[in-house]
Amino acid sequence: RLWESGHVPMVTWQPRPRTPEERRNL
């Protein structure tokens, strides 16, 4: 939708931890 309406997306990619251990060591 963004592209077809004349916009380039800026994808802000924010990884989320799936476990408590990943939260400490993502």
mmCIF file of all heavy atoms, coordinates in Angstrom:
data_MODEL
# 
_entry.id   MODEL 
# 
loop_
_atom_site.group_PDB 
_atom_site.id 
_atom_site.type_symbol 
_atom_site.label_atom_id 
_atom_site.label_alt_id 
_atom_site.label_comp_id 
_atom_site.label_asym_id 
_atom_site.label_entity_id 
_atom_site.label_seq_id 
_atom_site.pdbx_PDB_ins_code 
_atom_site.Cartn_x 
_atom_site.Cartn_y 
_atom_site.Cartn_z 
_atom_site.occupancy 
_atom_site.B_iso_or_equiv 
_atom_site.pdbx_formal_charge 
_atom_site.auth_seq_id 
_atom_site.auth_comp_id 
_atom_site.auth_asym_id 
_atom_site.auth_atom_id 
_atom_site.pdbx_PDB_model_num 
ATOM 1   N N   . ARG A 1 1  ? 0.830  -1.211  0.000  1.00 0.00 ? 1  ARG A N   1 
ATOM 2   C CA  . ARG A 1 1  ? 0.000  0.000   0.000  1.00 0.00 ? 1  ARG A CA  1 
ATOM 3   C C   . ARG A 1 1  ? 0.863  1.259   0.000  1.00 0.00 ? 1  ARG A C   1 
ATOM 4   O O   . ARG A 1 1  ? 0.562  2.228   -0.717 1.00 0.00 ? 1  ARG A O   1 
ATOM 5   C CB  . ARG A 1 1  ? -0.941 -0.002  1.212  1.00 0.00 ? 1  ARG A CB  1 
ATOM 6   C CG  . ARG A 1 1  ? -2.080 -1.008  1.118  1.00 0.00 ? 1  ARG A CG  1 
ATOM 7   C CD  . ARG A 1 1  ? -3.129 -0.735  2.177  1.00 0.00 ? 1  ARG A CD  1 
ATOM 8   N NE  . ARG A 1 1  ? -2.615 -0.910  3.523  1.00 0.00 ? 1  ARG A NE  1 
ATOM 9   C CZ  . ARG A 1 1  ? -2.594 -2.060  4.180  1.00 0.00 ? 1  ARG A CZ  1 
ATOM 10  N NH1 . ARG A 1 1  ? -3.036 -3.162  3.588  1.00 0.00 ? 1  ARG A NH1 1 
ATOM 11  N NH2 . ARG A 1 1  ? -2.126 -2.134  5.411  1.00 0.00 ? 1  ARG A NH2 1 
ATOM 12  N N   . LEU A 1 2  ? 1.913  1.248   0.799  1.00 0.00 ? 2  LEU A N   1 
ATOM 13  C CA  . LEU A 1 2  ? 2.805  2.407   0.820  1.00 0.00 ? 2  LEU A CA  1 
ATOM 14  C C   . LEU A 1 2  ? 3.436  2.622   -0.547 1.00 0.00 ? 2  LEU A C   1 
ATOM 15  O O   . LEU A 1 2  ? 3.455  3.745   -1.065 1.00 0.00 ? 2  LEU A O   1 
ATOM 16  C CB  . LEU A 1 2  ? 3.900  2.217   1.869  1.00 0.00 ? 2  LEU A CB  1 
ATOM 17  C CG  . LEU A 1 2  ? 3.513  2.371   3.331  1.00 0.00 ? 2  LEU A CG  1 
ATOM 18  C CD1 . LEU A 1 2  ? 4.726  2.162   4.231  1.00 0.00 ? 2  LEU A CD1 1 
ATOM 19  C CD2 . LEU A 1 2  ? 2.910  3.752   3.597  1.00 0.00 ? 2  LEU A CD2 1 
ATOM 20  N N   . TRP A 1 3  ? 3.965  1.553   -1.136 1.00 0.00 ? 3  TRP A N   1 
ATOM 21  C CA  . TRP A 1 3  ? 4.634  1.694   -2.425 1.00 0.00 ? 3  TRP A CA  1 
ATOM 22  C C   . TRP A 1 3  ? 3.673  2.190   -3.497 1.00 0.00 ? 3  TRP A C   1 
ATOM 23  O O   . TRP A 1 3  ? 3.996  3.111   -4.260 1.00 0.00 ? 3  TRP A O   1 
ATOM 24  C CB  . TRP A 1 3  ? 5.252  0.357   -2.840 1.00 0.00 ? 3  TRP A CB  1 
ATOM 25  C CG  . TRP A 1 3  ? 5.959  0.477   -4.158 1.00 0.00 ? 3  TRP A CG  1 
ATOM 26  C CD1 . TRP A 1 3  ? 5.474  0.152   -5.392 1.00 0.00 ? 3  TRP A CD1 1 
ATOM 27  C CD2 . TRP A 1 3  ? 7.251  1.031   -4.362 1.00 0.00 ? 3  TRP A CD2 1 
ATOM 28  N NE1 . TRP A 1 3  ? 6.398  0.449   -6.347 1.00 0.00 ? 3  TRP A NE1 1 
ATOM 29  C CE2 . TRP A 1 3  ? 7.503  0.996   -5.747 1.00 0.00 ? 3  TRP A CE2 1 
ATOM 30  C CE3 . TRP A 1 3  ? 8.233  1.543   -3.509 1.00 0.00 ? 3  TRP A CE3 1 
ATOM 31  C CZ2 . TRP A 1 3  ? 8.693  1.463   -6.306 1.00 0.00 ? 3  TRP A CZ2 1 
ATOM 32  C CZ3 . TRP A 1 3  ? 9.428  2.001   -4.069 1.00 0.00 ? 3  TRP A CZ3 1 
ATOM 33  C CH2 . TRP A 1 3  ? 9.634  1.964   -5.446 1.00 0.00 ? 3  TRP A CH2 1 
ATOM 34  N N   . GLU A 1 4  ? 2.512  1.584   -3.568 1.00 0.00 ? 4  GLU A N   1 
ATOM 35  C CA  . GLU A 1 4  ? 1.570  1.946   -4.630 1.00 0.00 ? 4  GLU A CA  1 
ATOM 36  C C   . GLU A 1 4  ? 1.021  3.359   -4.457 1.00 0.00 ? 4  GLU A C   1 
ATOM 37  O O   . GLU A 1 4  ? 0.553  3.958   -5.434 1.00 0.00 ? 4  GLU A O   1 
ATOM 38  C CB  . GLU A 1 4  ? 0.440  0.922   -4.686 1.00 0.00 ? 4  GLU A CB  1 
ATOM 39  C CG  . GLU A 1 4  ? 0.929  -0.438  -5.189 1.00 0.00 ? 4  GLU A CG  1 
ATOM 40  C CD  . GLU A 1 4  ? -0.160 -1.491  -5.226 1.00 0.00 ? 4  GLU A CD  1 
ATOM 41  O OE1 . GLU A 1 4  ? -1.243 -1.236  -4.648 1.00 0.00 ? 4  GLU A OE1 1 
ATOM 42  O OE2 . GLU A 1 4  ? 0.079  -2.569  -5.818 1.00 0.00 ? 4  GLU A OE2 1 
ATOM 43  N N   . SER A 1 5  ? 1.069  3.888   -3.249 1.00 0.00 ? 5  SER A N   1 
ATOM 44  C CA  . SER A 1 5  ? 0.637  5.271   -3.040 1.00 0.00 ? 5  SER A CA  1 
ATOM 45  C C   . SER A 1 5  ? 1.792  6.253   -3.155 1.00 0.00 ? 5  SER A C   1 
ATOM 46  O O   . SER A 1 5  ? 1.618  7.449   -2.922 1.00 0.00 ? 5  SER A O   1 
ATOM 47  C CB  . SER A 1 5  ? -0.032 5.417   -1.665 1.00 0.00 ? 5  SER A CB  1 
ATOM 48  O OG  . SER A 1 5  ? 0.862  5.035   -0.632 1.00 0.00 ? 5  SER A OG  1 
ATOM 49  N N   . GLY A 1 6  ? 2.980  5.755   -3.551 1.00 0.00 ? 6  GLY A N   1 
ATOM 50  C CA  . GLY A 1 6  ? 4.101  6.643   -3.844 1.00 0.00 ? 6  GLY A CA  1 
ATOM 51  C C   . GLY A 1 6  ? 5.014  6.910   -2.676 1.00 0.00 ? 6  GLY A C   1 
ATOM 52  O O   . GLY A 1 6  ? 5.450  8.051   -2.482 1.00 0.00 ? 6  GLY A O   1 
ATOM 53  N N   . HIS A 1 7  ? 5.339  5.883   -1.877 1.00 0.00 ? 7  HIS A N   1 
ATOM 54  C CA  . HIS A 1 7  ? 6.234  6.043   -0.734 1.00 0.00 ? 7  HIS A CA  1 
ATOM 55  C C   . HIS A 1 7  ? 7.235  4.900   -0.696 1.00 0.00 ? 7  HIS A C   1 
ATOM 56  O O   . HIS A 1 7  ? 6.891  3.759   -1.003 1.00 0.00 ? 7  HIS A O   1 
ATOM 57  C CB  . HIS A 1 7  ? 5.451  6.038   0.586  1.00 0.00 ? 7  HIS A CB  1 
ATOM 58  C CG  . HIS A 1 7  ? 4.334  7.033   0.657  1.00 0.00 ? 7  HIS A CG  1 
ATOM 59  N ND1 . HIS A 1 7  ? 3.071  6.751   0.162  1.00 0.00 ? 7  HIS A ND1 1 
ATOM 60  C CD2 . HIS A 1 7  ? 4.290  8.286   1.147  1.00 0.00 ? 7  HIS A CD2 1 
ATOM 61  C CE1 . HIS A 1 7  ? 2.298  7.814   0.371  1.00 0.00 ? 7  HIS A CE1 1 
ATOM 62  N NE2 . HIS A 1 7  ? 3.010  8.753   0.955  1.00 0.00 ? 7  HIS A NE2 1 
ATOM 63  N N   . VAL A 1 8  ? 8.458  5.217   -0.296 1.00 0.00 ? 8  VAL A N   1 
ATOM 64  C CA  . VAL A 1 8  ? 9.449  4.186   -0.022 1.00 0.00 ? 8  VAL A CA  1 
ATOM 65  C C   . VAL A 1 8  ? 9.354  3.834   1.462  1.00 0.00 ? 8  VAL A C   1 
ATOM 66  O O   . VAL A 1 8  ? 9.473  4.717   2.312  1.00 0.00 ? 8  VAL A O   1 
ATOM 67  C CB  . VAL A 1 8  ? 10.876 4.661   -0.354 1.00 0.00 ? 8  VAL A CB  1 
ATOM 68  C CG1 . VAL A 1 8  ? 11.901 3.600   0.038  1.00 0.00 ? 8  VAL A CG1 1 
ATOM 69  C CG2 . VAL A 1 8  ? 10.991 4.992   -1.836 1.00 0.00 ? 8  VAL A CG2 1 
ATOM 70  N N   . PRO A 1 9  ? 9.143  2.570   1.810  1.00 0.00 ? 9  PRO A N   1 
ATOM 71  C CA  . PRO A 1 9  ? 9.098  2.212   3.232  1.00 0.00 ? 9  PRO A CA  1 
ATOM 72  C C   . PRO A 1 9  ? 10.491 2.246   3.866  1.00 0.00 ? 9  PRO A C   1 
ATOM 73  O O   . PRO A 1 9  ? 11.482 1.890   3.220  1.00 0.00 ? 9  PRO A O   1 
ATOM 74  C CB  . PRO A 1 9  ? 8.557  0.773   3.226  1.00 0.00 ? 9  PRO A CB  1 
ATOM 75  C CG  . PRO A 1 9  ? 8.045  0.524   1.840  1.00 0.00 ? 9  PRO A CG  1 
ATOM 76  C CD  . PRO A 1 9  ? 8.831  1.421   0.939  1.00 0.00 ? 9  PRO A CD  1 
ATOM 77  N N   . MET A 1 10 ? 10.523 2.667   5.116  1.00 0.00 ? 10 MET A N   1 
ATOM 78  C CA  . MET A 1 10 ? 11.706 2.473   5.947  1.00 0.00 ? 10 MET A CA  1 
ATOM 79  C C   . MET A 1 10 ? 11.324 1.462   7.020  1.00 0.00 ? 10 MET A C   1 
ATOM 80  O O   . MET A 1 10 ? 10.562 1.775   7.938  1.00 0.00 ? 10 MET A O   1 
ATOM 81  C CB  . MET A 1 10 ? 12.184 3.776   6.600  1.00 0.00 ? 10 MET A CB  1 
ATOM 82  C CG  . MET A 1 10 ? 13.448 3.580   7.446  1.00 0.00 ? 10 MET A CG  1 
ATOM 83  S SD  . MET A 1 10 ? 13.928 5.041   8.397  1.00 0.00 ? 10 MET A SD  1 
ATOM 84  C CE  . MET A 1 10 ? 14.392 6.168   7.079  1.00 0.00 ? 10 MET A CE  1 
ATOM 85  N N   . VAL A 1 11 ? 11.827 0.257   6.893  1.00 0.00 ? 11 VAL A N   1 
ATOM 86  C CA  . VAL A 1 11 ? 11.469 -0.828  7.801  1.00 0.00 ? 11 VAL A CA  1 
ATOM 87  C C   . VAL A 1 11 ? 12.410 -0.789  9.005  1.00 0.00 ? 11 VAL A C   1 
ATOM 88  O O   . VAL A 1 11 ? 13.598 -1.077  8.892  1.00 0.00 ? 11 VAL A O   1 
ATOM 89  C CB  . VAL A 1 11 ? 11.563 -2.192  7.093  1.00 0.00 ? 11 VAL A CB  1 
ATOM 90  C CG1 . VAL A 1 11 ? 11.238 -3.324  8.071  1.00 0.00 ? 11 VAL A CG1 1 
ATOM 91  C CG2 . VAL A 1 11 ? 10.622 -2.231  5.889  1.00 0.00 ? 11 VAL A CG2 1 
ATOM 92  N N   . THR A 1 12 ? 11.867 -0.378  10.136 1.00 0.00 ? 12 THR A N   1 
ATOM 93  C CA  . THR A 1 12 ? 12.626 -0.355  11.380 1.00 0.00 ? 12 THR A CA  1 
ATOM 94  C C   . THR A 1 12 ? 12.453 -1.714  12.046 1.00 0.00 ? 12 THR A C   1 
ATOM 95  O O   . THR A 1 12 ? 11.391 -2.019  12.598 1.00 0.00 ? 12 THR A O   1 
ATOM 96  C CB  . THR A 1 12 ? 12.123 0.770   12.295 1.00 0.00 ? 12 THR A CB  1 
ATOM 97  O OG1 . THR A 1 12 ? 12.175 2.014   11.579 1.00 0.00 ? 12 THR A OG1 1 
ATOM 98  C CG2 . THR A 1 12 ? 12.968 0.876   13.550 1.00 0.00 ? 12 THR A CG2 1 
ATOM 99  N N   . TRP A 1 13 ? 13.497 -2.532  11.962 1.00 0.00 ? 13 TRP A N   1 
ATOM 100 C CA  . TRP A 1 13 ? 13.431 -3.950  12.353 1.00 0.00 ? 13 TRP A CA  1 
ATOM 101 C C   . TRP A 1 13 ? 13.931 -4.107  13.780 1.00 0.00 ? 13 TRP A C   1 
ATOM 102 O O   . TRP A 1 13 ? 15.110 -3.931  14.060 1.00 0.00 ? 13 TRP A O   1 
ATOM 103 C CB  . TRP A 1 13 ? 14.253 -4.772  11.381 1.00 0.00 ? 13 TRP A CB  1 
ATOM 104 C CG  . TRP A 1 13 ? 13.995 -6.244  11.413 1.00 0.00 ? 13 TRP A CG  1 
ATOM 105 C CD1 . TRP A 1 13 ? 12.985 -6.915  10.792 1.00 0.00 ? 13 TRP A CD1 1 
ATOM 106 C CD2 . TRP A 1 13 ? 14.798 -7.236  12.061 1.00 0.00 ? 13 TRP A CD2 1 
ATOM 107 N NE1 . TRP A 1 13 ? 13.102 -8.273  11.028 1.00 0.00 ? 13 TRP A NE1 1 
ATOM 108 C CE2 . TRP A 1 13 ? 14.205 -8.502  11.802 1.00 0.00 ? 13 TRP A CE2 1 
ATOM 109 C CE3 . TRP A 1 13 ? 15.960 -7.194  12.833 1.00 0.00 ? 13 TRP A CE3 1 
ATOM 110 C CZ2 . TRP A 1 13 ? 14.738 -9.683  12.281 1.00 0.00 ? 13 TRP A CZ2 1 
ATOM 111 C CZ3 . TRP A 1 13 ? 16.491 -8.370  13.319 1.00 0.00 ? 13 TRP A CZ3 1 
ATOM 112 C CH2 . TRP A 1 13 ? 15.870 -9.604  13.043 1.00 0.00 ? 13 TRP A CH2 1 
ATOM 113 N N   . GLN A 1 14 ? 13.001 -4.433  14.683 1.00 0.00 ? 14 GLN A N   1 
ATOM 114 C CA  . GLN A 1 14 ? 13.301 -4.499  16.108 1.00 0.00 ? 14 GLN A CA  1 
ATOM 115 C C   . GLN A 1 14 ? 13.113 -5.933  16.600 1.00 0.00 ? 14 GLN A C   1 
ATOM 116 O O   . GLN A 1 14 ? 11.978 -6.352  16.842 1.00 0.00 ? 14 GLN A O   1 
ATOM 117 C CB  . GLN A 1 14 ? 12.380 -3.547  16.875 1.00 0.00 ? 14 GLN A CB  1 
ATOM 118 C CG  . GLN A 1 14 ? 12.496 -2.107  16.391 1.00 0.00 ? 14 GLN A CG  1 
ATOM 119 C CD  . GLN A 1 14 ? 11.543 -1.176  17.113 1.00 0.00 ? 14 GLN A CD  1 
ATOM 120 O OE1 . GLN A 1 14 ? 11.941 -0.164  17.663 1.00 0.00 ? 14 GLN A OE1 1 
ATOM 121 N NE2 . GLN A 1 14 ? 10.278 -1.522  17.112 1.00 0.00 ? 14 GLN A NE2 1 
ATOM 122 N N   . PRO A 1 15 ? 14.190 -6.696  16.727 1.00 0.00 ? 15 PRO A N   1 
ATOM 123 C CA  . PRO A 1 15 ? 14.044 -8.092  17.151 1.00 0.00 ? 15 PRO A CA  1 
ATOM 124 C C   . PRO A 1 15 ? 13.554 -8.175  18.593 1.00 0.00 ? 15 PRO A C   1 
ATOM 125 O O   . PRO A 1 15 ? 13.954 -7.388  19.447 1.00 0.00 ? 15 PRO A O   1 
ATOM 126 C CB  . PRO A 1 15 ? 15.454 -8.650  17.013 1.00 0.00 ? 15 PRO A CB  1 
ATOM 127 C CG  . PRO A 1 15 ? 16.353 -7.467  17.163 1.00 0.00 ? 15 PRO A CG  1 
ATOM 128 C CD  . PRO A 1 15 ? 15.605 -6.309  16.557 1.00 0.00 ? 15 PRO A CD  1 
ATOM 129 N N   . ARG A 1 16 ? 12.687 -9.150  18.842 1.00 0.00 ? 16 ARG A N   1 
ATOM 130 C CA  . ARG A 1 16 ? 12.149 -9.332  20.179 1.00 0.00 ? 16 ARG A CA  1 
ATOM 131 C C   . ARG A 1 16 ? 12.600 -10.669 20.745 1.00 0.00 ? 16 ARG A C   1 
ATOM 132 O O   . ARG A 1 16 ? 12.562 -11.696 20.048 1.00 0.00 ? 16 ARG A O   1 
ATOM 133 C CB  . ARG A 1 16 ? 10.616 -9.277  20.144 1.00 0.00 ? 16 ARG A CB  1 
ATOM 134 C CG  . ARG A 1 16 ? 10.067 -7.910  19.792 1.00 0.00 ? 16 ARG A CG  1 
ATOM 135 C CD  . ARG A 1 16 ? 10.561 -6.851  20.743 1.00 0.00 ? 16 ARG A CD  1 
ATOM 136 N NE  . ARG A 1 16 ? 10.048 -5.526  20.404 1.00 0.00 ? 16 ARG A NE  1 
ATOM 137 C CZ  . ARG A 1 16 ? 10.582 -4.398  20.839 1.00 0.00 ? 16 ARG A CZ  1 
ATOM 138 N NH1 . ARG A 1 16 ? 11.659 -4.440  21.592 1.00 0.00 ? 16 ARG A NH1 1 
ATOM 139 N NH2 . ARG A 1 16 ? 10.063 -3.246  20.512 1.00 0.00 ? 16 ARG A NH2 1 
ATOM 140 N N   . PRO A 1 17 ? 13.032 -10.694 21.988 1.00 0.00 ? 17 PRO A N   1 
ATOM 141 C CA  . PRO A 1 17 ? 13.449 -11.964 22.593 1.00 0.00 ? 17 PRO A CA  1 
ATOM 142 C C   . PRO A 1 17 ? 12.266 -12.897 22.775 1.00 0.00 ? 17 PRO A C   1 
ATOM 143 O O   . PRO A 1 17 ? 11.161 -12.474 23.129 1.00 0.00 ? 17 PRO A O   1 
ATOM 144 C CB  . PRO A 1 17 ? 14.037 -11.539 23.941 1.00 0.00 ? 17 PRO A CB  1 
ATOM 145 C CG  . PRO A 1 17 ? 13.446 -10.197 24.224 1.00 0.00 ? 17 PRO A CG  1 
ATOM 146 C CD  . PRO A 1 17 ? 13.195 -9.552  22.899 1.00 0.00 ? 17 PRO A CD  1 
ATOM 147 N N   . ARG A 1 18 ? 12.515 -14.179 22.525 1.00 0.00 ? 18 ARG A N   1 
ATOM 148 C CA  . ARG A 1 18 ? 11.461 -15.185 22.641 1.00 0.00 ? 18 ARG A CA  1 
ATOM 149 C C   . ARG A 1 18 ? 11.509 -15.919 23.981 1.00 0.00 ? 18 ARG A C   1 
ATOM 150 O O   . ARG A 1 18 ? 10.569 -16.634 24.330 1.00 0.00 ? 18 ARG A O   1 
ATOM 151 C CB  . ARG A 1 18 ? 11.595 -16.187 21.492 1.00 0.00 ? 18 ARG A CB  1 
ATOM 152 C CG  . ARG A 1 18 ? 11.434 -15.547 20.109 1.00 0.00 ? 18 ARG A CG  1 
ATOM 153 C CD  . ARG A 1 18 ? 11.959 -16.449 19.001 1.00 0.00 ? 18 ARG A CD  1 
ATOM 154 N NE  . ARG A 1 18 ? 13.418 -16.635 19.116 1.00 0.00 ? 18 ARG A NE  1 
ATOM 155 C CZ  . ARG A 1 18 ? 14.146 -17.336 18.251 1.00 0.00 ? 18 ARG A CZ  1 
ATOM 156 N NH1 . ARG A 1 18 ? 13.552 -17.901 17.206 1.00 0.00 ? 18 ARG A NH1 1 
ATOM 157 N NH2 . ARG A 1 18 ? 15.442 -17.464 18.412 1.00 0.00 ? 18 ARG A NH2 1 
ATOM 158 N N   . THR A 1 19 ? 12.591 -15.743 24.718 1.00 0.00 ? 19 THR A N   1 
ATOM 159 C CA  . THR A 1 19 ? 12.756 -16.403 26.015 1.00 0.00 ? 19 THR A CA  1 
ATOM 160 C C   . THR A 1 19 ? 13.457 -15.431 26.959 1.00 0.00 ? 19 THR A C   1 
ATOM 161 O O   . THR A 1 19 ? 14.094 -14.457 26.511 1.00 0.00 ? 19 THR A O   1 
ATOM 162 C CB  . THR A 1 19 ? 13.629 -17.671 25.888 1.00 0.00 ? 19 THR A CB  1 
ATOM 163 O OG1 . THR A 1 19 ? 14.957 -17.276 25.519 1.00 0.00 ? 19 THR A OG1 1 
ATOM 164 C CG2 . THR A 1 19 ? 13.046 -18.631 24.866 1.00 0.00 ? 19 THR A CG2 1 
ATOM 165 N N   . PRO A 1 20 ? 13.391 -15.666 28.267 1.00 0.00 ? 20 PRO A N   1 
ATOM 166 C CA  . PRO A 1 20 ? 14.155 -14.824 29.204 1.00 0.00 ? 20 PRO A CA  1 
ATOM 167 C C   . PRO A 1 20 ? 15.650 -14.818 28.908 1.00 0.00 ? 20 PRO A C   1 
ATOM 168 O O   . PRO A 1 20 ? 16.314 -13.786 29.051 1.00 0.00 ? 20 PRO A O   1 
ATOM 169 C CB  . PRO A 1 20 ? 13.838 -15.453 30.566 1.00 0.00 ? 20 PRO A CB  1 
ATOM 170 C CG  . PRO A 1 20 ? 12.508 -16.102 30.384 1.00 0.00 ? 20 PRO A CG  1 
ATOM 171 C CD  . PRO A 1 20 ? 12.502 -16.610 28.983 1.00 0.00 ? 20 PRO A CD  1 
ATOM 172 N N   . GLU A 1 21 ? 16.190 -15.952 28.494 1.00 0.00 ? 21 GLU A N   1 
ATOM 173 C CA  . GLU A 1 21 ? 17.610 -16.021 28.166 1.00 0.00 ? 21 GLU A CA  1 
ATOM 174 C C   . GLU A 1 21 ? 17.938 -15.121 26.981 1.00 0.00 ? 21 GLU A C   1 
ATOM 175 O O   . GLU A 1 21 ? 18.962 -14.414 26.973 1.00 0.00 ? 21 GLU A O   1 
ATOM 176 C CB  . GLU A 1 21 ? 18.014 -17.461 27.860 1.00 0.00 ? 21 GLU A CB  1 
ATOM 177 C CG  . GLU A 1 21 ? 19.454 -17.636 27.382 1.00 0.00 ? 21 GLU A CG  1 
ATOM 178 C CD  . GLU A 1 21 ? 20.483 -17.198 28.408 1.00 0.00 ? 21 GLU A CD  1 
ATOM 179 O OE1 . GLU A 1 21 ? 20.163 -17.143 29.619 1.00 0.00 ? 21 GLU A OE1 1 
ATOM 180 O OE2 . GLU A 1 21 ? 21.622 -16.898 27.995 1.00 0.00 ? 21 GLU A OE2 1 
ATOM 181 N N   . GLU A 1 22 ? 17.077 -15.105 25.961 1.00 0.00 ? 22 GLU A N   1 
ATOM 182 C CA  . GLU A 1 22 ? 17.314 -14.209 24.830 1.00 0.00 ? 22 GLU A CA  1 
ATOM 183 C C   . GLU A 1 22 ? 17.214 -12.752 25.251 1.00 0.00 ? 22 GLU A C   1 
ATOM 184 O O   . GLU A 1 22 ? 17.931 -11.904 24.703 1.00 0.00 ? 22 GLU A O   1 
ATOM 185 C CB  . GLU A 1 22 ? 16.325 -14.503 23.705 1.00 0.00 ? 22 GLU A CB  1 
ATOM 186 C CG  . GLU A 1 22 ? 16.673 -15.745 22.917 1.00 0.00 ? 22 GLU A CG  1 
ATOM 187 C CD  . GLU A 1 22 ? 15.830 -15.921 21.686 1.00 0.00 ? 22 GLU A CD  1 
ATOM 188 O OE1 . GLU A 1 22 ? 14.876 -15.142 21.469 1.00 0.00 ? 22 GLU A OE1 1 
ATOM 189 O OE2 . GLU A 1 22 ? 16.109 -16.861 20.920 1.00 0.00 ? 22 GLU A OE2 1 
ATOM 190 N N   . ARG A 1 23 ? 16.353 -12.438 26.183 1.00 0.00 ? 23 ARG A N   1 
ATOM 191 C CA  . ARG A 1 23 ? 16.266 -11.053 26.658 1.00 0.00 ? 23 ARG A CA  1 
ATOM 192 C C   . ARG A 1 23 ? 17.596 -10.608 27.260 1.00 0.00 ? 23 ARG A C   1 
ATOM 193 O O   . ARG A 1 23 ? 18.004 -9.458  27.097 1.00 0.00 ? 23 ARG A O   1 
ATOM 194 C CB  . ARG A 1 23 ? 15.137 -10.903 27.674 1.00 0.00 ? 23 ARG A CB  1 
ATOM 195 C CG  . ARG A 1 23 ? 15.079 -9.517  28.333 1.00 0.00 ? 23 ARG A CG  1 
ATOM 196 C CD  . ARG A 1 23 ? 13.785 -9.292  29.069 1.00 0.00 ? 23 ARG A CD  1 
ATOM 197 N NE  . ARG A 1 23 ? 12.689 -9.103  28.140 1.00 0.00 ? 23 ARG A NE  1 
ATOM 198 C CZ  . ARG A 1 23 ? 12.404 -7.954  27.542 1.00 0.00 ? 23 ARG A CZ  1 
ATOM 199 N NH1 . ARG A 1 23 ? 13.148 -6.891  27.765 1.00 0.00 ? 23 ARG A NH1 1 
ATOM 200 N NH2 . ARG A 1 23 ? 11.402 -7.872  26.708 1.00 0.00 ? 23 ARG A NH2 1 
ATOM 201 N N   . ARG A 1 24 ? 18.278 -11.498 27.927 1.00 0.00 ? 24 ARG A N   1 
ATOM 202 C CA  . ARG A 1 24 ? 19.570 -11.157 28.524 1.00 0.00 ? 24 ARG A CA  1 
ATOM 203 C C   . ARG A 1 24 ? 20.698 -11.166 27.507 1.00 0.00 ? 24 ARG A C   1 
ATOM 204 O O   . ARG A 1 24 ? 21.718 -10.496 27.713 1.00 0.00 ? 24 ARG A O   1 
ATOM 205 C CB  . ARG A 1 24 ? 19.903 -12.142 29.662 1.00 0.00 ? 24 ARG A CB  1 
ATOM 206 C CG  . ARG A 1 24 ? 18.997 -12.021 30.879 1.00 0.00 ? 24 ARG A CG  1 
ATOM 207 C CD  . ARG A 1 24 ? 19.488 -12.896 32.021 1.00 0.00 ? 24 ARG A CD  1 
ATOM 208 N NE  . ARG A 1 24 ? 19.387 -14.325 31.701 1.00 0.00 ? 24 ARG A NE  1 
ATOM 209 C CZ  . ARG A 1 24 ? 18.322 -15.073 31.972 1.00 0.00 ? 24 ARG A CZ  1 
ATOM 210 N NH1 . ARG A 1 24 ? 17.259 -14.519 32.552 1.00 0.00 ? 24 ARG A NH1 1 
ATOM 211 N NH2 . ARG A 1 24 ? 18.306 -16.362 31.662 1.00 0.00 ? 24 ARG A NH2 1 
ATOM 212 N N   . ASN A 1 25 ? 20.523 -11.911 26.417 1.00 0.00 ? 25 ASN A N   1 
ATOM 213 C CA  . ASN A 1 25 ? 21.619 -12.122 25.471 1.00 0.00 ? 25 ASN A CA  1 
ATOM 214 C C   . ASN A 1 25 ? 21.133 -12.072 24.022 1.00 0.00 ? 25 ASN A C   1 
ATOM 215 O O   . ASN A 1 25 ? 21.526 -12.910 23.204 1.00 0.00 ? 25 ASN A O   1 
ATOM 216 C CB  . ASN A 1 25 ? 22.289 -13.485 25.731 1.00 0.00 ? 25 ASN A CB  1 
ATOM 217 C CG  . ASN A 1 25 ? 22.862 -13.599 27.118 1.00 0.00 ? 25 ASN A CG  1 
ATOM 218 O OD1 . ASN A 1 25 ? 23.889 -13.003 27.412 1.00 0.00 ? 25 ASN A OD1 1 
ATOM 219 N ND2 . ASN A 1 25 ? 22.196 -14.352 27.984 1.00 0.00 ? 25 ASN A ND2 1 
ATOM 220 N N   . LEU A 1 26 ? 20.309 -11.097 23.665 1.00 0.00 ? 26 LEU A N   1 
ATOM 221 C CA  . LEU A 1 26 ? 19.705 -11.113 22.342 1.00 0.00 ? 26 LEU A CA  1 
ATOM 222 C C   . LEU A 1 26 ? 20.739 -10.941 21.232 1.00 0.00 ? 26 LEU A C   1 
ATOM 223 O O   . LEU A 1 26 ? 20.701 -11.661 20.222 1.00 0.00 ? 26 LEU A O   1 
ATOM 224 C CB  . LEU A 1 26 ? 18.635 -10.025 22.228 1.00 0.00 ? 26 LEU A CB  1 
ATOM 225 C CG  . LEU A 1 26 ? 17.895 -9.979  20.900 1.00 0.00 ? 26 LEU A CG  1 
ATOM 226 C CD1 . LEU A 1 26 ? 17.205 -11.300 20.605 1.00 0.00 ? 26 LEU A CD1 1 
ATOM 227 C CD2 . LEU A 1 26 ? 16.884 -8.843  20.881 1.00 0.00 ? 26 LEU A CD2 1 
# 
